[in-house]
Amino acid sequence: MSRPPLARPNAVRTAARRTAAFLAMGFIVVGLSACAQTVSLEPAESAADPACADIIVSLPLVLPSDAENQDIRQTDAQATAAWGSPASILLRCGIPPQGPTTLPCININGIDWVEDDSNKPNYRFVTYGRVPTTEVIVNYDVVSGTSTLVDLGPSISKIPQTNKCLGAEDTLDLPTDAPSAG
């Protein structure tokens, strides 16, 4: 009766080395990701609102960017999120609702955002007509604000819209049949 061939010692050593290298690489990757510092943010006054939890648990883990994808990071405050290293996108849910303003309001996929560019290249976007209100700060040197808001839209839309932004044309009662200046 013949015996099955034994594994060659070199093949066994090679397989063992590959397995050890693979495991070591996995530990290095896990170790490096654990070294990423927590992003320190202040919680908003209504961060404990359950609707904020609905947003936070549904946020994307990665936000695409032209330069490099922005991975979600750990934060140290309730109802907050951050992406990128260094953080280029910050989110806080539960800030006070936006009142009347002269700042531009843009609608992106059915969500009204008040845009504040006074701290360029960091743009601040605040939801309008949704309570609790969400704030997103985007570093335009790293990522596109429009793309970011599109990608966050499905999570933000979990809070129903109760008001809409109005422009001057919405508030002026202009006759539609006024004679033209001829």
N, C-alpha and C. Protein backbone atom coordinates (compact mmCIF):
# COMPACT_ATOMS: atom_id res chain seq x y z
N MET A 1 0.85 -1.15 0.00
CA MET A 1 0.00 0.00 0.00
C MET A 1 0.90 1.22 0.00
N SER A 2 0.57 2.15 -0.89
CA SER A 2 1.45 3.31 -0.97
C SER A 2 0.88 4.44 -0.12
N ARG A 3 1.74 5.23 0.37
CA ARG A 3 1.36 6.37 1.20
C ARG A 3 1.19 7.60 0.32
N PRO A 4 0.28 8.48 0.71
CA PRO A 4 0.16 9.72 -0.04
C PRO A 4 1.45 10.53 0.12
N PRO A 5 1.79 11.27 -0.90
CA PRO A 5 3.03 12.04 -0.80
C PRO A 5 2.93 13.05 0.33
N LEU A 6 4.01 13.21 1.03
CA LEU A 6 4.07 14.20 2.11
C LEU A 6 4.32 15.58 1.52
N ALA A 7 3.79 16.58 2.20
CA ALA A 7 4.02 17.94 1.73
C ALA A 7 5.51 18.24 1.82
N ARG A 8 5.97 18.94 0.85
CA ARG A 8 7.39 19.28 0.87
C ARG A 8 7.64 20.27 1.99
N PRO A 9 8.73 20.12 2.71
CA PRO A 9 9.02 21.02 3.83
C PRO A 9 9.09 22.48 3.39
N ASN A 10 9.65 22.76 2.22
CA ASN A 10 9.74 24.14 1.76
C ASN A 10 8.36 24.74 1.50
N ALA A 11 7.45 23.95 0.95
CA ALA A 11 6.10 24.44 0.69
C ALA A 11 5.38 24.77 1.99
N VAL A 12 5.57 23.94 3.00
CA VAL A 12 4.95 24.17 4.31
C VAL A 12 5.51 25.45 4.92
N ARG A 13 6.83 25.62 4.85
CA ARG A 13 7.46 26.83 5.40
C ARG A 13 6.99 28.07 4.65
N THR A 14 6.86 27.98 3.35
CA THR A 14 6.42 29.12 2.55
C THR A 14 4.99 29.50 2.91
N ALA A 15 4.12 28.51 3.03
CA ALA A 15 2.72 28.78 3.41
C ALA A 15 2.65 29.39 4.80
N ALA A 16 3.46 28.88 5.72
CA ALA A 16 3.48 29.41 7.09
C ALA A 16 3.98 30.85 7.09
N ARG A 17 4.99 31.14 6.28
CA ARG A 17 5.51 32.51 6.20
C ARG A 17 4.45 33.46 5.62
N ARG A 18 3.77 33.00 4.58
CA ARG A 18 2.72 33.84 3.97
C ARG A 18 1.61 34.13 4.98
N THR A 19 1.20 33.10 5.71
CA THR A 19 0.15 33.28 6.71
C THR A 19 0.61 34.24 7.79
N ALA A 20 1.84 34.07 8.26
CA ALA A 20 2.37 34.96 9.29
C ALA A 20 2.47 36.39 8.77
N ALA A 21 2.93 36.56 7.54
CA ALA A 21 3.05 37.89 6.95
C ALA A 21 1.67 38.54 6.81
N PHE A 22 0.69 37.74 6.37
CA PHE A 22 -0.67 38.26 6.21
C PHE A 22 -1.22 38.70 7.57
N LEU A 23 -1.05 37.89 8.59
CA LEU A 23 -1.55 38.24 9.92
C LEU A 23 -0.83 39.47 10.47
N ALA A 24 0.48 39.53 10.27
CA ALA A 24 1.24 40.69 10.73
C ALA A 24 0.76 41.95 10.04
N MET A 25 0.51 41.87 8.74
CA MET A 25 0.02 43.03 8.00
C MET A 25 -1.35 43.46 8.52
N GLY A 26 -2.21 42.51 8.82
CA GLY A 26 -3.52 42.83 9.38
C GLY A 26 -3.41 43.54 10.72
N PHE A 27 -2.50 43.09 11.58
CA PHE A 27 -2.30 43.74 12.87
C PHE A 27 -1.75 45.15 12.69
N ILE A 28 -0.87 45.34 11.71
CA ILE A 28 -0.32 46.66 11.45
C ILE A 28 -1.41 47.61 10.99
N VAL A 29 -2.25 47.15 10.06
CA VAL A 29 -3.33 48.00 9.56
C VAL A 29 -4.30 48.36 10.69
N VAL A 30 -4.68 47.37 11.50
CA VAL A 30 -5.57 47.64 12.62
C VAL A 30 -4.90 48.58 13.60
N GLY A 31 -3.64 48.37 13.87
CA GLY A 31 -2.91 49.23 14.79
C GLY A 31 -2.82 50.66 14.30
N LEU A 32 -2.55 50.84 13.00
CA LEU A 32 -2.46 52.19 12.46
C LEU A 32 -3.80 52.89 12.49
N SER A 33 -4.88 52.17 12.18
CA SER A 33 -6.19 52.80 12.20
C SER A 33 -6.60 53.16 13.62
N ALA A 34 -6.14 52.39 14.59
CA ALA A 34 -6.46 52.69 15.97
C ALA A 34 -5.69 53.91 16.45
N CYS A 35 -4.58 54.25 15.76
CA CYS A 35 -3.77 55.39 16.16
C CYS A 35 -4.36 56.71 15.69
N ALA A 36 -5.31 56.68 14.76
CA ALA A 36 -5.91 57.92 14.28
C ALA A 36 -6.57 58.63 15.45
N GLN A 37 -6.21 59.88 15.64
CA GLN A 37 -6.73 60.62 16.77
C GLN A 37 -8.22 60.88 16.64
N THR A 38 -8.88 60.89 17.77
CA THR A 38 -10.29 61.23 17.83
C THR A 38 -10.43 62.72 17.53
N VAL A 39 -11.43 63.07 16.73
CA VAL A 39 -11.69 64.48 16.42
C VAL A 39 -12.52 65.06 17.56
N SER A 40 -12.02 66.15 18.13
CA SER A 40 -12.69 66.78 19.27
C SER A 40 -13.67 67.84 18.77
N LEU A 41 -14.94 67.64 19.09
CA LEU A 41 -16.00 68.57 18.69
C LEU A 41 -16.88 68.87 19.89
N GLU A 42 -17.56 70.00 19.84
CA GLU A 42 -18.52 70.37 20.88
C GLU A 42 -19.89 69.85 20.48
N PRO A 43 -20.60 69.19 21.40
CA PRO A 43 -21.96 68.77 21.04
C PRO A 43 -22.88 69.98 20.95
N ALA A 44 -23.85 69.91 20.07
CA ALA A 44 -24.85 70.98 19.94
C ALA A 44 -25.83 70.89 21.10
N GLU A 45 -26.57 71.96 21.34
CA GLU A 45 -27.46 71.99 22.50
C GLU A 45 -28.57 70.94 22.44
N SER A 46 -29.00 70.54 21.26
CA SER A 46 -30.05 69.51 21.14
C SER A 46 -29.49 68.21 20.58
N ALA A 47 -28.23 67.92 20.88
CA ALA A 47 -27.59 66.71 20.35
C ALA A 47 -28.28 65.43 20.82
N ALA A 48 -28.96 65.49 21.95
CA ALA A 48 -29.63 64.30 22.49
C ALA A 48 -30.97 64.01 21.82
N ASP A 49 -31.39 64.86 20.90
CA ASP A 49 -32.66 64.63 20.19
C ASP A 49 -32.57 63.30 19.44
N PRO A 50 -33.56 62.42 19.59
CA PRO A 50 -33.51 61.11 18.91
C PRO A 50 -33.38 61.21 17.40
N ALA A 51 -33.87 62.29 16.80
CA ALA A 51 -33.75 62.45 15.34
C ALA A 51 -32.28 62.59 14.94
N CYS A 52 -31.46 63.17 15.81
CA CYS A 52 -30.02 63.25 15.52
C CYS A 52 -29.41 61.86 15.46
N ALA A 53 -29.86 60.98 16.33
CA ALA A 53 -29.35 59.60 16.31
C ALA A 53 -29.70 58.93 14.98
N ASP A 54 -30.89 59.22 14.45
CA ASP A 54 -31.28 58.66 13.15
C ASP A 54 -30.31 59.09 12.06
N ILE A 55 -29.88 60.34 12.11
CA ILE A 55 -28.90 60.82 11.13
C ILE A 55 -27.56 60.12 11.33
N ILE A 56 -27.06 60.15 12.54
CA ILE A 56 -25.71 59.66 12.81
C ILE A 56 -25.54 58.19 12.44
N VAL A 57 -26.52 57.36 12.74
CA VAL A 57 -26.37 55.93 12.44
C VAL A 57 -26.47 55.63 10.95
N SER A 58 -26.95 56.59 10.16
CA SER A 58 -27.09 56.33 8.73
C SER A 58 -26.04 57.06 7.88
N LEU A 59 -25.09 57.72 8.51
CA LEU A 59 -24.08 58.47 7.76
C LEU A 59 -23.19 57.54 6.95
N PRO A 60 -22.73 58.01 5.79
CA PRO A 60 -21.80 57.19 5.00
C PRO A 60 -20.45 57.08 5.69
N LEU A 61 -19.81 55.93 5.55
CA LEU A 61 -18.49 55.72 6.16
C LEU A 61 -17.39 56.40 5.35
N VAL A 62 -17.66 56.62 4.07
CA VAL A 62 -16.68 57.26 3.19
C VAL A 62 -17.41 58.31 2.36
N LEU A 63 -16.81 59.49 2.27
CA LEU A 63 -17.33 60.53 1.38
C LEU A 63 -16.34 60.69 0.24
N PRO A 64 -16.79 60.49 -1.00
CA PRO A 64 -15.87 60.59 -2.14
C PRO A 64 -15.34 62.02 -2.30
N SER A 65 -14.14 62.10 -2.83
CA SER A 65 -13.51 63.38 -3.09
C SER A 65 -12.69 63.25 -4.36
N ASP A 66 -12.49 64.36 -5.07
CA ASP A 66 -11.66 64.32 -6.28
C ASP A 66 -10.24 63.89 -5.96
N ALA A 67 -9.70 64.38 -4.86
CA ALA A 67 -8.31 64.10 -4.51
C ALA A 67 -8.18 62.73 -3.83
N GLU A 68 -8.88 62.54 -2.75
CA GLU A 68 -8.75 61.32 -1.96
C GLU A 68 -10.04 61.14 -1.17
N ASN A 69 -10.55 59.91 -1.12
CA ASN A 69 -11.78 59.66 -0.37
C ASN A 69 -11.58 60.04 1.09
N GLN A 70 -12.63 60.55 1.69
CA GLN A 70 -12.59 60.99 3.08
C GLN A 70 -13.29 59.94 3.95
N ASP A 71 -12.50 59.24 4.76
CA ASP A 71 -13.03 58.21 5.64
C ASP A 71 -13.58 58.85 6.92
N ILE A 72 -14.63 58.22 7.45
CA ILE A 72 -15.21 58.73 8.69
C ILE A 72 -14.21 58.53 9.82
N ARG A 73 -14.24 59.43 10.79
CA ARG A 73 -13.35 59.40 11.93
C ARG A 73 -14.18 59.34 13.21
N GLN A 74 -13.56 58.92 14.27
CA GLN A 74 -14.22 58.90 15.57
C GLN A 74 -14.22 60.32 16.13
N THR A 75 -15.35 60.71 16.74
CA THR A 75 -15.45 62.01 17.39
C THR A 75 -15.75 61.79 18.88
N ASP A 76 -15.60 62.85 19.66
CA ASP A 76 -15.79 62.71 21.11
C ASP A 76 -17.05 63.41 21.62
N ALA A 77 -17.98 63.73 20.73
CA ALA A 77 -19.20 64.41 21.16
C ALA A 77 -20.42 63.76 20.51
N GLN A 78 -21.51 63.75 21.25
CA GLN A 78 -22.76 63.15 20.77
C GLN A 78 -23.27 63.90 19.54
N ALA A 79 -23.81 63.14 18.59
CA ALA A 79 -24.45 63.67 17.38
C ALA A 79 -23.48 64.48 16.53
N THR A 80 -22.24 64.00 16.44
CA THR A 80 -21.23 64.64 15.60
C THR A 80 -20.58 63.59 14.71
N ALA A 81 -19.94 64.07 13.64
CA ALA A 81 -19.19 63.18 12.76
C ALA A 81 -18.09 64.00 12.09
N ALA A 82 -17.06 63.32 11.63
CA ALA A 82 -15.96 63.97 10.92
C ALA A 82 -15.42 62.99 9.89
N TRP A 83 -14.94 63.54 8.79
CA TRP A 83 -14.33 62.72 7.74
C TRP A 83 -13.00 63.35 7.33
N GLY A 84 -12.05 62.49 6.96
CA GLY A 84 -10.77 62.94 6.44
C GLY A 84 -9.70 63.01 7.51
N SER A 85 -8.45 62.96 7.06
CA SER A 85 -7.32 63.06 7.97
C SER A 85 -6.27 63.97 7.34
N PRO A 86 -6.17 65.20 7.78
CA PRO A 86 -6.93 65.83 8.86
C PRO A 86 -8.39 66.02 8.45
N ALA A 87 -9.22 66.21 9.46
CA ALA A 87 -10.66 66.30 9.22
C ALA A 87 -10.97 67.47 8.29
N SER A 88 -11.63 67.17 7.17
CA SER A 88 -11.99 68.20 6.19
C SER A 88 -13.51 68.40 6.12
N ILE A 89 -14.27 67.54 6.78
CA ILE A 89 -15.73 67.64 6.83
C ILE A 89 -16.15 67.39 8.27
N LEU A 90 -16.90 68.31 8.84
CA LEU A 90 -17.40 68.18 10.21
C LEU A 90 -18.91 68.30 10.18
N LEU A 91 -19.58 67.52 11.02
CA LEU A 91 -21.04 67.55 11.10
C LEU A 91 -21.45 67.59 12.56
N ARG A 92 -22.43 68.45 12.85
CA ARG A 92 -23.05 68.49 14.19
C ARG A 92 -24.55 68.57 14.00
N CYS A 93 -25.27 67.72 14.69
CA CYS A 93 -26.73 67.75 14.66
C CYS A 93 -27.22 68.31 15.98
N GLY A 94 -28.30 69.12 15.91
CA GLY A 94 -28.92 69.64 17.11
C GLY A 94 -28.59 71.09 17.40
N ILE A 95 -28.05 71.81 16.40
CA ILE A 95 -27.76 73.22 16.63
C ILE A 95 -29.09 74.00 16.59
N PRO A 96 -29.11 75.24 17.09
CA PRO A 96 -30.36 76.03 17.03
C PRO A 96 -30.80 76.24 15.59
N PRO A 97 -32.11 76.23 15.36
CA PRO A 97 -32.61 76.45 14.00
C PRO A 97 -32.20 77.82 13.45
N GLN A 98 -32.01 77.86 12.14
CA GLN A 98 -31.62 79.09 11.44
C GLN A 98 -32.82 80.01 11.33
N GLY A 99 -32.66 81.25 11.73
CA GLY A 99 -33.71 82.25 11.58
C GLY A 99 -33.57 82.96 10.25
N PRO A 100 -34.34 84.02 10.05
CA PRO A 100 -34.22 84.78 8.81
C PRO A 100 -32.78 85.27 8.63
N THR A 101 -32.32 85.23 7.40
CA THR A 101 -30.94 85.60 7.10
C THR A 101 -30.84 86.14 5.68
N THR A 102 -29.80 86.90 5.44
CA THR A 102 -29.52 87.36 4.09
C THR A 102 -28.51 86.45 3.40
N LEU A 103 -28.04 85.42 4.11
CA LEU A 103 -27.12 84.46 3.50
C LEU A 103 -27.85 83.66 2.43
N PRO A 104 -27.11 83.22 1.42
CA PRO A 104 -27.77 82.45 0.35
C PRO A 104 -28.29 81.11 0.87
N CYS A 105 -29.41 80.70 0.32
CA CYS A 105 -29.98 79.40 0.63
C CYS A 105 -30.01 78.61 -0.67
N ILE A 106 -29.44 77.42 -0.61
CA ILE A 106 -29.41 76.57 -1.80
C ILE A 106 -30.19 75.30 -1.51
N ASN A 107 -30.80 74.77 -2.54
CA ASN A 107 -31.54 73.52 -2.40
C ASN A 107 -30.76 72.45 -3.15
N ILE A 108 -30.36 71.42 -2.42
CA ILE A 108 -29.62 70.31 -3.02
C ILE A 108 -30.41 69.03 -2.77
N ASN A 109 -30.97 68.50 -3.84
CA ASN A 109 -31.77 67.27 -3.78
C ASN A 109 -32.89 67.34 -2.74
N GLY A 110 -33.58 68.48 -2.70
CA GLY A 110 -34.73 68.62 -1.82
C GLY A 110 -34.41 69.05 -0.40
N ILE A 111 -33.16 69.36 -0.11
CA ILE A 111 -32.77 69.81 1.22
C ILE A 111 -32.28 71.25 1.09
N ASP A 112 -32.88 72.15 1.88
CA ASP A 112 -32.46 73.55 1.89
C ASP A 112 -31.28 73.71 2.84
N TRP A 113 -30.24 74.38 2.36
CA TRP A 113 -29.02 74.65 3.13
C TRP A 113 -28.73 76.15 3.08
N VAL A 114 -28.48 76.75 4.23
CA VAL A 114 -28.01 78.13 4.29
C VAL A 114 -26.49 78.05 4.23
N GLU A 115 -25.91 78.80 3.29
CA GLU A 115 -24.48 78.74 3.03
C GLU A 115 -23.78 79.98 3.59
N ASP A 116 -22.75 79.75 4.40
CA ASP A 116 -21.95 80.84 4.96
C ASP A 116 -20.49 80.62 4.54
N ASP A 117 -19.98 81.52 3.68
CA ASP A 117 -18.61 81.39 3.20
C ASP A 117 -17.67 82.41 3.85
N SER A 118 -18.08 82.98 4.99
CA SER A 118 -17.30 84.03 5.63
C SER A 118 -15.98 83.54 6.21
N ASN A 119 -15.78 82.24 6.29
CA ASN A 119 -14.55 81.68 6.84
C ASN A 119 -13.84 80.83 5.78
N LYS A 120 -13.84 81.32 4.52
CA LYS A 120 -13.21 80.58 3.41
C LYS A 120 -11.79 80.18 3.77
N PRO A 121 -11.34 79.00 3.39
CA PRO A 121 -11.95 78.01 2.51
C PRO A 121 -12.92 77.08 3.23
N ASN A 122 -13.18 77.34 4.53
CA ASN A 122 -14.15 76.52 5.26
C ASN A 122 -15.54 77.13 5.09
N TYR A 123 -16.41 76.37 4.45
CA TYR A 123 -17.78 76.81 4.24
C TYR A 123 -18.66 76.11 5.26
N ARG A 124 -19.63 76.87 5.79
CA ARG A 124 -20.56 76.32 6.76
C ARG A 124 -21.93 76.23 6.09
N PHE A 125 -22.52 75.05 6.16
CA PHE A 125 -23.86 74.82 5.62
C PHE A 125 -24.76 74.40 6.78
N VAL A 126 -25.94 75.02 6.87
CA VAL A 126 -26.89 74.72 7.94
C VAL A 126 -28.22 74.38 7.30
N THR A 127 -28.80 73.26 7.71
CA THR A 127 -30.10 72.89 7.16
C THR A 127 -31.13 73.96 7.55
N TYR A 128 -32.08 74.17 6.66
CA TYR A 128 -33.15 75.12 6.92
C TYR A 128 -34.47 74.38 6.85
N GLY A 129 -35.32 74.63 7.87
CA GLY A 129 -36.64 74.02 7.87
C GLY A 129 -36.67 72.59 8.38
N ARG A 130 -35.61 72.17 9.05
CA ARG A 130 -35.55 70.82 9.63
C ARG A 130 -35.09 70.97 11.08
N VAL A 131 -35.87 70.44 12.02
CA VAL A 131 -35.52 70.52 13.43
C VAL A 131 -35.53 69.10 14.00
N PRO A 132 -34.42 68.67 14.58
CA PRO A 132 -33.21 69.41 14.90
C PRO A 132 -32.43 69.79 13.63
N THR A 133 -31.70 70.88 13.75
CA THR A 133 -30.94 71.44 12.64
C THR A 133 -29.54 70.86 12.61
N THR A 134 -29.03 70.65 11.40
CA THR A 134 -27.70 70.07 11.22
C THR A 134 -26.77 71.08 10.56
N GLU A 135 -25.54 71.09 11.05
CA GLU A 135 -24.49 71.95 10.52
C GLU A 135 -23.41 71.07 9.90
N VAL A 136 -22.95 71.46 8.72
CA VAL A 136 -21.84 70.76 8.06
C VAL A 136 -20.81 71.82 7.67
N ILE A 137 -19.57 71.60 8.08
CA ILE A 137 -18.47 72.50 7.71
C ILE A 137 -17.56 71.73 6.77
N VAL A 138 -17.27 72.34 5.62
CA VAL A 138 -16.51 71.68 4.56
C VAL A 138 -15.30 72.54 4.21
N ASN A 139 -14.14 71.93 4.16
CA ASN A 139 -12.92 72.61 3.72
C ASN A 139 -12.85 72.48 2.21
N TYR A 140 -13.13 73.58 1.50
CA TYR A 140 -13.18 73.57 0.04
C TYR A 140 -11.80 73.36 -0.60
N ASP A 141 -10.72 73.51 0.16
CA ASP A 141 -9.40 73.20 -0.38
C ASP A 141 -9.21 71.70 -0.55
N VAL A 142 -10.05 70.90 0.12
CA VAL A 142 -9.92 69.45 0.10
C VAL A 142 -11.07 68.77 -0.62
N VAL A 143 -12.30 69.21 -0.37
CA VAL A 143 -13.48 68.54 -0.92
C VAL A 143 -14.49 69.55 -1.47
N SER A 144 -15.40 69.06 -2.28
CA SER A 144 -16.48 69.88 -2.83
C SER A 144 -17.66 69.87 -1.86
N GLY A 145 -18.15 71.06 -1.55
CA GLY A 145 -19.30 71.15 -0.65
C GLY A 145 -20.54 70.56 -1.26
N THR A 146 -20.76 70.82 -2.53
CA THR A 146 -21.96 70.30 -3.19
C THR A 146 -21.97 68.78 -3.18
N SER A 147 -20.87 68.16 -3.56
CA SER A 147 -20.80 66.69 -3.56
C SER A 147 -21.00 66.13 -2.16
N THR A 148 -20.41 66.80 -1.17
CA THR A 148 -20.55 66.35 0.21
C THR A 148 -22.02 66.40 0.64
N LEU A 149 -22.70 67.51 0.33
CA LEU A 149 -24.10 67.64 0.73
C LEU A 149 -24.99 66.65 -0.01
N VAL A 150 -24.67 66.35 -1.26
CA VAL A 150 -25.42 65.32 -2.00
C VAL A 150 -25.26 63.98 -1.29
N ASP A 151 -24.03 63.64 -0.91
CA ASP A 151 -23.77 62.34 -0.27
C ASP A 151 -24.37 62.25 1.13
N LEU A 152 -24.50 63.38 1.82
CA LEU A 152 -25.11 63.38 3.15
C LEU A 152 -26.64 63.46 3.09
N GLY A 153 -27.18 63.80 1.93
CA GLY A 153 -28.62 63.99 1.77
C GLY A 153 -29.51 62.88 2.29
N PRO A 154 -29.23 61.61 1.95
CA PRO A 154 -30.11 60.55 2.45
C PRO A 154 -30.19 60.50 3.98
N SER A 155 -29.09 60.79 4.65
CA SER A 155 -29.10 60.80 6.13
C SER A 155 -29.85 62.02 6.65
N ILE A 156 -29.58 63.19 6.09
CA ILE A 156 -30.21 64.43 6.54
C ILE A 156 -31.72 64.39 6.31
N SER A 157 -32.14 63.75 5.23
CA SER A 157 -33.58 63.72 4.91
C SER A 157 -34.39 62.89 5.90
N LYS A 158 -33.75 62.24 6.83
CA LYS A 158 -34.49 61.50 7.87
C LYS A 158 -35.25 62.45 8.79
N ILE A 159 -34.83 63.71 8.82
CA ILE A 159 -35.55 64.73 9.57
C ILE A 159 -36.50 65.41 8.59
N PRO A 160 -37.80 65.38 8.83
CA PRO A 160 -38.75 65.97 7.88
C PRO A 160 -38.59 67.49 7.77
N GLN A 161 -38.83 68.00 6.58
CA GLN A 161 -38.78 69.43 6.33
C GLN A 161 -40.11 70.06 6.70
N THR A 162 -40.08 71.12 7.51
CA THR A 162 -41.30 71.80 7.93
C THR A 162 -41.40 73.21 7.36
N ASN A 163 -40.29 73.78 6.88
CA ASN A 163 -40.25 75.10 6.27
C ASN A 163 -39.33 75.06 5.07
N LYS A 164 -39.48 76.07 4.19
CA LYS A 164 -38.61 76.17 3.02
C LYS A 164 -37.96 77.54 3.01
N CYS A 165 -36.80 77.60 2.38
CA CYS A 165 -36.15 78.89 2.17
C CYS A 165 -36.99 79.72 1.22
N LEU A 166 -37.02 81.01 1.46
CA LEU A 166 -37.71 81.94 0.58
C LEU A 166 -36.71 82.96 0.08
N GLY A 167 -36.82 83.30 -1.18
CA GLY A 167 -36.01 84.36 -1.75
C GLY A 167 -36.85 85.62 -1.88
N ALA A 168 -36.23 86.72 -2.28
CA ALA A 168 -36.95 87.98 -2.44
C ALA A 168 -38.11 87.81 -3.41
N GLU A 169 -37.90 87.02 -4.47
CA GLU A 169 -38.96 86.82 -5.45
C GLU A 169 -40.17 86.08 -4.86
N ASP A 170 -39.92 85.33 -3.75
CA ASP A 170 -41.02 84.62 -3.10
C ASP A 170 -41.85 85.53 -2.20
N THR A 171 -41.26 86.64 -1.77
CA THR A 171 -41.94 87.49 -0.80
C THR A 171 -42.55 88.74 -1.41
N LEU A 172 -42.08 89.11 -2.60
CA LEU A 172 -42.63 90.29 -3.26
C LEU A 172 -43.88 89.90 -4.03
N ASP A 173 -44.89 90.72 -3.91
CA ASP A 173 -46.13 90.45 -4.62
C ASP A 173 -46.11 91.23 -5.93
N LEU A 174 -45.38 90.71 -6.90
CA LEU A 174 -45.25 91.36 -8.20
C LEU A 174 -46.35 90.90 -9.13
N PRO A 175 -46.99 91.84 -9.80
CA PRO A 175 -48.01 91.41 -10.77
C PRO A 175 -47.35 90.72 -11.95
N THR A 176 -47.99 89.68 -12.42
CA THR A 176 -47.43 88.94 -13.54
C THR A 176 -47.81 89.54 -14.88
N ASP A 177 -48.81 90.45 -14.88
CA ASP A 177 -49.22 91.05 -16.14
C ASP A 177 -48.84 92.54 -16.22
N ALA A 178 -47.78 92.93 -15.52
CA ALA A 178 -47.34 94.33 -15.54
C ALA A 178 -46.85 94.69 -16.93
N PRO A 179 -47.16 95.93 -17.36
CA PRO A 179 -46.70 96.34 -18.70
C PRO A 179 -45.18 96.43 -18.72
N SER A 180 -44.63 96.07 -19.85
CA SER A 180 -43.18 96.12 -19.99
C SER A 180 -42.74 97.56 -20.26
N ALA A 181 -41.53 97.85 -19.80
CA ALA A 181 -40.98 99.20 -20.05
C ALA A 181 -40.55 99.24 -21.50
N GLY A 182 -41.18 100.00 -22.28
CA GLY A 182 -41.01 99.94 -23.69
C GLY A 182 -40.22 100.96 -24.29
